[in-house]
Amino acid sequence: MEIKDLVNEYGIIGIVSNYQNKLKDDDMVIELNIKNLNDTLKLVGLDENIMHTKVKDLSLSEKVKIDLATKINNDVIIIGNLANSLNYKDLNNIKQLLVNLNMDYQKKIVVIDSDIKTFFNLTKKIIIMQNKTIIYETDDFFDDNLYKYVKCPKIIEFIKYVNKDGKKLENNTDIYELIKDIYRSVT
């Protein structure tokens, strides 16, 4: 199956790879092709005083948000490097925005990142690519074959370790749900 078919079927997919935005460093934010600039900046979590700033002077976090703002009106939104560029709060806000765009406006979303944790509570399909070829795909974060290609997150390692002698904990990717599950299993 091709990526186009997968994104049409699942709505939000995650691709494990590296991502490079196409923003030009010498452009000012106000010069970028962003419809309803003030509203879009607020939507992605930026203040309007950033409009007269050059792209090269923005922080990594601001560049990711501006990159998203330039694509927010597209039918297919391709964004990446969220884990290395955003703090926990911003990452969760962007994830929620992407989910809402998919659910409310039927936007197709492709998230490209090298950290599998970025896809937690976001993507419905995970794809491993090498040389522009799909080599593996799954919809299960607890799929052992997935971790032949990427580093296993600590929360997944922990749950698999605890459950190796028998299922004691549910397969959760949310730390708060894991804590609740641990509490339930010891009481």
Protein backbone atom coordinates (compact mmCIF):
# COMPACT_ATOMS: atom_id res chain seq x y z
CA MET A 1 0.00 0.00 0.00
CA GLU A 2 1.22 3.51 -0.74
CA ILE A 3 1.38 6.34 1.78
CA LYS A 4 -1.39 8.19 -0.05
CA ASP A 5 -3.70 5.18 0.37
CA LEU A 6 -2.74 4.75 4.04
CA VAL A 7 -3.38 8.39 4.93
CA ASN A 8 -6.74 8.27 3.12
CA GLU A 9 -7.69 5.13 5.03
CA TYR A 10 -6.45 6.09 8.52
CA GLY A 11 -6.58 9.91 8.53
CA ILE A 12 -3.48 10.37 10.68
CA ILE A 13 -0.36 8.31 10.09
CA GLY A 14 3.13 8.43 11.57
CA ILE A 15 6.27 7.86 9.55
CA VAL A 16 9.52 7.07 11.31
CA SER A 17 12.05 9.13 9.40
CA ASN A 18 13.72 12.54 9.37
CA TYR A 19 11.83 15.68 8.38
CA GLN A 20 13.08 18.96 6.96
CA ASN A 21 10.75 21.95 6.71
CA LYS A 22 10.70 24.07 3.54
CA LEU A 23 10.70 27.48 5.24
CA LYS A 24 13.18 30.01 3.86
CA ASP A 25 15.36 31.59 6.56
CA ASP A 26 15.26 35.11 5.09
CA ASP A 27 11.46 35.32 4.84
CA MET A 28 9.51 37.18 7.48
CA VAL A 29 6.52 35.42 9.01
CA ILE A 30 4.14 38.02 7.56
CA GLU A 31 5.47 37.23 4.05
CA LEU A 32 4.63 33.53 4.31
CA ASN A 33 1.51 32.18 2.63
CA ILE A 34 -0.69 31.96 5.73
CA LYS A 35 -4.42 32.67 5.39
CA ASN A 36 -6.04 34.58 8.27
CA LEU A 37 -2.61 35.17 9.79
CA ASN A 38 -3.69 36.39 13.25
CA ASP A 39 -6.22 33.60 13.79
CA THR A 40 -3.88 30.92 12.47
CA LEU A 41 -1.04 32.10 14.71
CA LYS A 42 -3.33 31.86 17.75
CA LEU A 43 -4.52 28.43 16.63
CA VAL A 44 -0.96 27.04 16.58
CA GLY A 45 -0.05 28.73 19.87
CA LEU A 46 1.89 31.79 18.74
CA ASP A 47 1.49 35.47 19.56
CA GLU A 48 0.84 37.96 16.74
CA ASN A 49 3.98 39.97 17.60
CA ILE A 50 5.97 37.25 15.82
CA MET A 51 4.70 38.45 12.41
CA HIS A 52 7.64 40.78 11.77
CA THR A 53 10.31 38.23 12.70
CA LYS A 54 12.50 36.46 10.18
CA VAL A 55 12.25 32.68 10.07
CA LYS A 56 15.97 32.32 10.90
CA ASP A 57 15.41 34.24 14.17
CA LEU A 58 12.66 31.90 15.39
CA SER A 59 13.22 29.17 17.96
CA LEU A 60 12.83 25.52 16.91
CA SER A 61 9.43 25.41 18.57
CA GLU A 62 8.26 28.53 16.73
CA LYS A 63 9.53 27.16 13.40
CA VAL A 64 7.48 23.97 13.83
CA LYS A 65 4.39 26.02 14.65
CA ILE A 66 4.94 28.37 11.69
CA ASP A 67 5.50 25.35 9.43
CA LEU A 68 2.13 23.98 10.59
CA ALA A 69 0.48 27.39 10.14
CA THR A 70 1.57 27.50 6.48
CA LYS A 71 -0.06 24.11 5.87
CA ILE A 72 -3.18 24.35 8.01
CA ASN A 73 -5.49 25.02 5.05
CA ASN A 74 -4.11 22.14 2.97
CA ASP A 75 -6.13 18.95 2.58
CA VAL A 76 -3.01 16.93 3.49
CA ILE A 77 -0.83 18.31 6.27
CA ILE A 78 2.73 16.99 6.50
CA ILE A 79 4.61 18.01 9.63
CA GLY A 80 7.59 16.64 11.49
CA ASN A 81 10.36 16.77 14.08
CA LEU A 82 7.89 17.44 16.85
CA ALA A 83 9.73 15.49 19.56
CA ASN A 84 13.01 17.37 19.12
CA SER A 85 11.43 20.80 18.77
CA LEU A 86 8.51 21.06 21.18
CA ASN A 87 8.23 20.84 24.94
CA TYR A 88 5.69 18.47 26.52
CA LYS A 89 2.87 21.03 26.72
CA ASP A 90 3.34 22.34 23.17
CA LEU A 91 3.59 18.79 21.82
CA ASN A 92 0.28 17.85 23.44
CA ASN A 93 -1.38 21.04 22.18
CA ILE A 94 -0.19 20.40 18.61
CA LYS A 95 -1.31 16.76 18.82
CA GLN A 96 -4.76 17.85 19.98
CA LEU A 97 -4.94 20.43 17.18
CA LEU A 98 -4.00 17.78 14.60
CA VAL A 99 -6.62 15.36 15.94
CA ASN A 100 -9.25 18.11 15.84
CA LEU A 101 -8.28 19.04 12.26
CA ASN A 102 -8.68 15.41 11.26
CA MET A 103 -11.96 14.84 13.09
CA ASP A 104 -13.71 18.16 12.45
CA TYR A 105 -12.33 19.15 9.03
CA GLN A 106 -11.36 15.74 7.59
CA LYS A 107 -7.76 16.86 7.07
CA LYS A 108 -5.33 14.06 6.24
CA ILE A 109 -2.23 14.27 8.44
CA VAL A 110 1.23 12.78 8.06
CA VAL A 111 3.55 13.17 11.04
CA ILE A 112 7.23 12.43 10.37
CA ASP A 113 9.45 11.91 13.39
CA SER A 114 12.33 9.74 14.51
CA ASP A 115 10.90 9.36 18.04
CA ILE A 116 8.06 6.86 18.27
CA LYS A 117 6.67 8.56 21.42
CA THR A 118 5.50 11.44 19.21
CA PHE A 119 2.89 9.11 17.72
CA PHE A 120 1.32 8.18 21.10
CA ASN A 121 -2.33 9.33 21.29
CA LEU A 122 -2.07 10.70 17.76
CA THR A 123 -1.49 8.32 14.88
CA LYS A 124 -3.53 5.33 13.86
CA LYS A 125 -0.79 3.75 11.74
CA ILE A 126 3.00 3.69 12.13
CA ILE A 127 5.18 3.31 9.05
CA ILE A 128 8.91 2.58 8.85
CA MET A 129 10.53 3.84 5.65
CA GLN A 130 13.98 3.44 4.17
CA ASN A 131 14.99 4.96 0.86
CA LYS A 132 11.42 6.07 0.17
CA THR A 133 10.16 2.49 0.51
CA ILE A 134 7.80 1.21 3.19
CA ILE A 135 9.61 -1.63 4.96
CA TYR A 136 7.21 -2.12 7.88
CA GLU A 137 3.83 -0.87 9.08
CA THR A 138 1.78 -1.51 12.19
CA ASP A 139 -1.02 -0.03 14.26
CA ASP A 140 0.23 -1.50 17.55
CA PHE A 141 2.78 0.27 19.75
CA PHE A 142 3.40 -3.04 21.52
CA ASP A 143 4.39 -4.84 18.30
CA ASP A 144 7.80 -6.46 18.91
CA ASN A 145 8.71 -6.25 15.22
CA LEU A 146 8.37 -2.45 15.31
CA TYR A 147 11.26 -2.20 17.75
CA LYS A 148 13.60 -3.98 15.35
CA TYR A 149 13.65 -0.67 13.45
CA VAL A 150 13.31 1.98 16.17
CA LYS A 151 14.25 2.43 19.80
CA CYS A 152 11.60 1.15 22.20
CA PRO A 153 10.19 3.87 24.52
CA LYS A 154 10.75 3.33 28.25
CA ILE A 155 7.03 3.04 29.04
CA ILE A 156 6.65 0.19 26.53
CA GLU A 157 9.80 -1.52 27.86
CA PHE A 158 8.48 -1.26 31.42
CA ILE A 159 5.05 -2.71 30.61
CA LYS A 160 6.58 -5.56 28.61
CA TYR A 161 9.00 -6.29 31.46
CA VAL A 162 6.25 -6.39 34.09
CA ASN A 163 4.02 -8.53 31.85
CA LYS A 164 6.69 -11.04 30.80
CA ASP A 165 5.47 -13.68 33.29
CA GLY A 166 1.79 -12.99 32.78
CA LYS A 167 -0.45 -10.03 31.96
CA LYS A 168 -0.63 -7.73 34.96
CA LEU A 169 -0.73 -4.32 33.31
CA GLU A 170 -2.76 -3.03 30.37
CA ASN A 171 -0.96 -1.84 27.24
CA ASN A 172 -0.97 1.90 27.94
CA THR A 173 1.13 4.62 26.34
CA ASP A 174 -0.04 7.32 28.77
CA ILE A 175 1.98 7.55 31.98
CA TYR A 176 -1.04 8.58 34.04
CA GLU A 177 -3.04 5.57 32.85
CA LEU A 178 -0.05 3.35 33.65
CA ILE A 179 0.12 4.72 37.21
CA LYS A 180 -3.61 4.06 37.68
CA ASP A 181 -3.16 0.55 36.31
CA ILE A 182 -0.26 -0.15 38.70
CA TYR A 183 -2.34 1.07 41.62
CA ARG A 184 -5.27 -1.15 40.59
CA SER A 185 -3.03 -4.20 40.24
CA VAL A 186 -1.53 -3.92 43.74
CA THR A 187 -4.79 -3.25 45.61
